[in-house]
Amino acid sequence: MITNILKGIKAYVGTFKLINTLRLWKYFAIPMVISVITAASIGFSAWGLSDNLGNFISKIWFWEWGAETFTTISTFIGALIIIAVGIILYRHIVMALSSPFMSPVSEKIEKHLYGINHFHRNTTNVQQLWRGIRINVRNLLRELLITLPIIIIGFIPVVGIISSVLLFLVQSYYAGFGNMDYTLERHFKYSESIEFVRRNRGLAIGNGMVFMLMLLIPLVGIILVLPLSVTAASTETLKVLEKSRNLDQLSGKISKTL
């Protein structure tokens, strides 16, 4: 697991060079716009709703003493919840809508690294978009089901530190999942891709960790996070697929000689 996490992180090295070599920036133009608009929309929503959620949370405090302090804390907690959910929504919306643009990027990287003789499932832009929506809606629901209990546990003193780490790992996993699927959609069906990511969850977490950290960089992170993370995920996912393909071919040759 740890080895694969490190591989997922190291895959980011050389991404700028590969993007420039293959002239991939034009494919990222629309996804970048989608990313900025989505981030801005969620950011403004979080700003406007944090007070409302904070006031709702503060109603559980029935006593007069400390009511003002608890309201302030509730507003802060409300903002954190909205931001956490907002980041989740941001990732899945951007990844789903960017599918028709990211799949060609992954394919060009594969052709550059391994040639054009690999087996591919022929899919249209509409199919790629539907696949992206389907994968991300599934991941969104699962991530929310896992995230909400972690946030609640975070209110417990001391345990809150552990919950923060768990929250980061969960979000990293699903971020990496989405980035890897741009490559997997050409090779596997829906259920097969899910199983592939489960077997290689370390790669997904490693890729997603850098993805999540890049979002902390104002504006620049939002613009560059998808190009770099998709390129890194594509190269590392292709390595696993190529290794598996070579092992299958070797197994076939051995079976023929027996």
Protein backbone atom coordinates (compact mmCIF):
# COMPACT_ATOMS: atom_id res chain seq x y z
CA MET A 1 0.00 0.00 0.00
CA ILE A 2 2.66 2.54 1.07
CA THR A 3 4.82 1.65 -1.95
CA ASN A 4 1.93 2.29 -4.31
CA ILE A 5 1.06 5.55 -2.57
CA LEU A 6 4.63 6.73 -3.15
CA LYS A 7 4.41 5.64 -6.80
CA GLY A 8 1.22 7.65 -7.19
CA ILE A 9 2.96 10.72 -5.77
CA LYS A 10 6.18 10.29 -7.78
CA ALA A 11 4.16 10.02 -10.99
CA TYR A 12 3.74 13.81 -10.88
CA VAL A 13 7.45 14.24 -11.61
CA GLY A 14 7.86 15.08 -15.30
CA THR A 15 4.18 15.80 -15.95
CA PHE A 16 4.84 19.34 -17.19
CA LYS A 17 7.46 18.03 -19.61
CA LEU A 18 5.16 15.30 -20.94
CA ILE A 19 2.26 17.74 -21.40
CA ASN A 20 4.51 20.13 -23.33
CA THR A 21 6.06 17.34 -25.43
CA LEU A 22 2.66 16.00 -26.52
CA ARG A 23 1.12 19.49 -26.76
CA LEU A 24 -1.76 18.57 -24.52
CA TRP A 25 -2.56 21.98 -23.07
CA LYS A 26 -5.29 22.63 -25.67
CA TYR A 27 -7.26 19.68 -24.30
CA PHE A 28 -7.22 21.21 -20.83
CA ALA A 29 -8.62 24.62 -21.83
CA ILE A 30 -12.33 23.83 -21.36
CA PRO A 31 -11.77 21.68 -18.22
CA MET A 32 -9.82 24.59 -16.72
CA VAL A 33 -12.78 26.92 -17.34
CA ILE A 34 -15.16 24.32 -15.87
CA SER A 35 -12.86 24.02 -12.84
CA VAL A 36 -12.73 27.77 -12.16
CA ILE A 37 -16.49 28.30 -12.62
CA THR A 38 -17.36 25.32 -10.41
CA ALA A 39 -14.91 26.36 -7.68
CA ALA A 40 -16.24 29.94 -7.71
CA SER A 41 -19.86 28.79 -7.55
CA ILE A 42 -19.23 26.45 -4.63
CA GLY A 43 -17.09 29.05 -2.85
CA PHE A 44 -19.84 31.70 -2.99
CA SER A 45 -22.42 29.13 -1.89
CA ALA A 46 -20.27 28.18 1.09
CA TRP A 47 -19.89 31.83 2.03
CA GLY A 48 -23.64 32.41 1.93
CA LEU A 49 -24.80 29.19 3.58
CA SER A 50 -22.30 28.94 6.44
CA ASP A 51 -24.28 31.35 8.64
CA ASN A 52 -27.55 29.53 7.98
CA LEU A 53 -26.06 26.14 8.80
CA GLY A 54 -24.31 27.63 11.83
CA ASN A 55 -27.58 29.01 13.16
CA PHE A 56 -29.24 25.64 12.63
CA ILE A 57 -26.49 23.85 14.57
CA SER A 58 -26.59 26.45 17.37
CA LYS A 59 -30.23 25.55 18.13
CA ILE A 60 -29.09 22.39 19.91
CA TRP A 61 -27.69 24.65 22.68
CA PHE A 62 -30.63 25.26 25.00
CA TRP A 63 -28.86 27.26 27.72
CA GLU A 64 -28.52 31.03 27.79
CA TRP A 65 -24.99 31.05 29.18
CA GLY A 66 -22.40 30.59 26.45
CA ALA A 67 -25.04 30.87 23.72
CA GLU A 68 -23.16 33.59 21.84
CA THR A 69 -19.89 31.67 21.96
CA PHE A 70 -21.58 28.46 20.81
CA THR A 71 -23.22 30.34 17.91
CA THR A 72 -19.81 31.58 16.78
CA ILE A 73 -18.38 28.08 17.01
CA SER A 74 -21.42 26.70 15.17
CA THR A 75 -20.91 29.16 12.32
CA PHE A 76 -17.29 28.04 12.02
CA ILE A 77 -18.32 24.37 12.09
CA GLY A 78 -21.00 25.07 9.49
CA ALA A 79 -18.42 26.66 7.21
CA LEU A 80 -16.10 23.66 7.60
CA ILE A 81 -18.89 21.21 6.76
CA ILE A 82 -19.92 23.20 3.67
CA ILE A 83 -16.30 23.53 2.51
CA ALA A 84 -15.67 19.79 3.00
CA VAL A 85 -18.84 18.86 1.10
CA GLY A 86 -18.11 21.61 -1.42
CA ILE A 87 -14.68 20.19 -2.23
CA ILE A 88 -16.24 16.77 -2.75
CA LEU A 89 -18.90 18.21 -5.06
CA TYR A 90 -16.28 20.28 -6.90
CA ARG A 91 -14.12 17.26 -7.68
CA HIS A 92 -16.91 15.05 -8.92
CA ILE A 93 -18.61 17.76 -11.00
CA VAL A 94 -15.35 18.78 -12.69
CA MET A 95 -14.24 15.19 -13.28
CA ALA A 96 -17.59 14.13 -14.72
CA LEU A 97 -17.93 17.09 -17.09
CA SER A 98 -14.28 16.86 -18.16
CA SER A 99 -14.46 13.20 -19.24
CA PRO A 100 -14.77 13.84 -23.01
CA PHE A 101 -11.65 16.04 -22.85
CA MET A 102 -9.52 13.95 -20.50
CA SER A 103 -10.00 10.58 -22.22
CA PRO A 104 -8.20 11.78 -25.41
CA VAL A 105 -5.36 13.09 -23.23
CA SER A 106 -4.92 9.69 -21.62
CA GLU A 107 -5.08 7.98 -25.00
CA LYS A 108 -2.38 10.23 -26.49
CA ILE A 109 -0.14 9.49 -23.51
CA GLU A 110 -0.68 5.77 -24.01
CA LYS A 111 0.16 5.95 -27.71
CA HIS A 112 3.28 7.97 -26.90
CA LEU A 113 4.51 5.52 -24.26
CA TYR A 114 3.42 2.15 -25.67
CA GLY A 115 2.38 2.55 -29.28
CA ILE A 116 -1.05 2.05 -30.88
CA ASN A 117 -1.33 -1.74 -30.83
CA HIS A 118 -3.20 -1.97 -27.53
CA PHE A 119 -6.78 -3.13 -27.33
CA HIS A 120 -9.25 -0.32 -26.76
CA ARG A 121 -12.98 -0.14 -26.30
CA ASN A 122 -14.36 2.27 -28.90
CA THR A 123 -16.38 4.96 -27.11
CA THR A 124 -17.94 8.23 -28.23
CA ASN A 125 -17.80 11.57 -26.42
CA VAL A 126 -21.36 11.04 -25.20
CA GLN A 127 -20.46 7.59 -23.85
CA GLN A 128 -17.38 9.00 -22.16
CA LEU A 129 -19.47 11.76 -20.57
CA TRP A 130 -22.08 9.26 -19.38
CA ARG A 131 -19.36 6.99 -18.02
CA GLY A 132 -17.82 9.95 -16.16
CA ILE A 133 -21.19 10.98 -14.71
CA ARG A 134 -21.99 7.40 -13.68
CA ILE A 135 -18.62 6.82 -11.99
CA ASN A 136 -18.62 10.19 -10.22
CA VAL A 137 -22.22 9.97 -8.99
CA ARG A 138 -21.42 6.54 -7.57
CA ASN A 139 -18.24 7.82 -5.93
CA LEU A 140 -19.96 10.98 -4.70
CA LEU A 141 -22.66 9.06 -2.84
CA ARG A 142 -20.16 6.64 -1.32
CA GLU A 143 -17.78 9.42 -0.33
CA LEU A 144 -20.55 11.42 1.36
CA LEU A 145 -21.69 8.35 3.30
CA ILE A 146 -18.15 7.89 4.59
CA THR A 147 -17.33 11.57 5.07
CA LEU A 148 -20.30 12.69 7.17
CA PRO A 149 -19.64 10.21 10.03
CA ILE A 150 -15.95 11.18 9.96
CA ILE A 151 -16.89 14.86 10.32
CA ILE A 152 -19.17 14.06 13.27
CA ILE A 153 -16.42 12.02 14.94
CA GLY A 154 -14.13 15.00 14.43
CA PHE A 155 -16.05 16.93 17.09
CA ILE A 156 -14.71 14.54 19.73
CA PRO A 157 -11.56 15.92 21.42
CA VAL A 158 -8.26 14.20 20.46
CA VAL A 159 -10.09 11.83 18.08
CA GLY A 160 -10.66 14.87 15.87
CA ILE A 161 -7.03 14.75 14.72
CA ILE A 162 -7.48 11.17 13.48
CA SER A 163 -10.70 12.12 11.71
CA SER A 164 -8.87 14.86 9.79
CA VAL A 165 -6.35 12.33 8.52
CA LEU A 166 -9.11 9.87 7.58
CA LEU A 167 -11.02 12.62 5.78
CA PHE A 168 -7.93 13.54 3.76
CA LEU A 169 -7.28 9.90 2.82
CA VAL A 170 -10.89 9.28 1.79
CA GLN A 171 -10.98 12.38 -0.40
CA SER A 172 -7.59 11.50 -1.86
CA TYR A 173 -8.76 8.00 -2.76
CA TYR A 174 -11.82 9.17 -4.66
CA ALA A 175 -9.89 11.97 -6.37
CA GLY A 176 -7.33 9.46 -7.61
CA PHE A 177 -10.14 7.07 -8.57
CA GLY A 178 -11.62 9.65 -10.94
CA ASN A 179 -8.25 10.49 -12.49
CA MET A 180 -7.43 6.82 -13.11
CA ASP A 181 -10.78 6.10 -14.76
CA TYR A 182 -9.96 8.32 -17.75
CA THR A 183 -7.52 5.57 -18.73
CA LEU A 184 -9.49 2.61 -17.46
CA GLU A 185 -12.60 3.47 -19.49
CA ARG A 186 -10.79 2.39 -22.67
CA HIS A 187 -9.72 -0.94 -21.23
CA PHE A 188 -12.40 -2.05 -18.78
CA LYS A 189 -16.12 -2.02 -18.30
CA TYR A 190 -17.67 -0.09 -15.41
CA SER A 191 -17.53 -2.87 -12.80
CA GLU A 192 -14.07 -4.01 -13.92
CA SER A 193 -12.68 -0.50 -13.46
CA ILE A 194 -14.04 -0.33 -9.92
CA GLU A 195 -12.34 -3.62 -9.09
CA PHE A 196 -9.06 -2.44 -10.67
CA VAL A 197 -8.96 0.68 -8.49
CA ARG A 198 -9.75 -1.38 -5.39
CA ARG A 199 -6.76 -3.62 -6.13
CA ASN A 200 -4.57 -0.54 -6.70
CA ARG A 201 -6.04 1.80 -4.08
CA GLY A 202 -2.55 2.93 -3.05
CA LEU A 203 -1.99 4.49 -6.50
CA ALA A 204 -5.35 6.25 -6.25
CA ILE A 205 -4.56 7.62 -2.79
CA GLY A 206 -1.08 8.81 -3.81
CA ASN A 207 -2.41 10.57 -6.90
CA GLY A 208 -5.29 12.07 -4.93
CA MET A 209 -3.04 13.34 -2.14
CA VAL A 210 -1.21 15.67 -4.51
CA PHE A 211 -4.55 16.59 -6.10
CA MET A 212 -5.98 17.65 -2.73
CA LEU A 213 -2.85 19.56 -1.71
CA MET A 214 -2.83 21.46 -5.02
CA LEU A 215 -6.33 22.75 -4.28
CA LEU A 216 -4.81 24.65 -1.34
CA ILE A 217 -2.88 26.84 -3.80
CA PRO A 218 -5.11 29.86 -4.59
CA LEU A 219 -6.34 29.96 -8.21
CA VAL A 220 -3.20 28.33 -9.67
CA GLY A 221 -4.06 25.04 -7.97
CA ILE A 222 -7.58 25.04 -9.36
CA ILE A 223 -6.28 25.71 -12.88
CA LEU A 224 -3.43 23.19 -12.93
CA VAL A 225 -4.78 20.42 -10.70
CA LEU A 226 -6.60 18.52 -13.45
CA PRO A 227 -3.86 18.63 -16.14
CA LEU A 228 -1.14 17.47 -13.76
CA SER A 229 -3.20 14.89 -11.84
CA VAL A 230 -4.71 13.30 -14.96
CA THR A 231 -1.30 13.07 -16.65
CA ALA A 232 0.25 11.53 -13.54
CA ALA A 233 -2.64 9.08 -13.09
CA SER A 234 -2.50 8.07 -16.76
CA THR A 235 1.21 7.27 -16.77
CA GLU A 236 1.07 5.22 -13.56
CA THR A 237 -2.15 3.40 -14.46
CA LEU A 238 -0.69 2.49 -17.85
CA LYS A 239 2.38 1.04 -16.16
CA VAL A 240 0.17 -1.29 -14.12
CA LEU A 241 -1.85 -2.26 -17.21
CA GLU A 242 1.28 -2.91 -19.24
CA LYS A 243 2.80 -5.03 -16.49
CA SER A 244 -0.41 -7.03 -16.23
CA ARG A 245 -0.53 -7.44 -20.02
CA ASN A 246 3.06 -8.70 -20.13
CA LEU A 247 2.37 -11.16 -17.32
CA ASP A 248 -0.69 -12.47 -19.18
CA GLN A 249 1.34 -12.93 -22.35
CA LEU A 250 4.10 -14.70 -20.43
CA SER A 251 1.54 -16.93 -18.74
CA GLY A 252 0.07 -17.78 -22.13
CA LYS A 253 3.45 -18.72 -23.55
CA ILE A 254 4.25 -20.91 -20.56
CA SER A 255 0.90 -22.70 -20.78
CA LYS A 256 1.50 -23.47 -24.46
CA THR A 257 4.84 -25.11 -23.70
CA LEU A 258 3.36 -27.38 -21.02
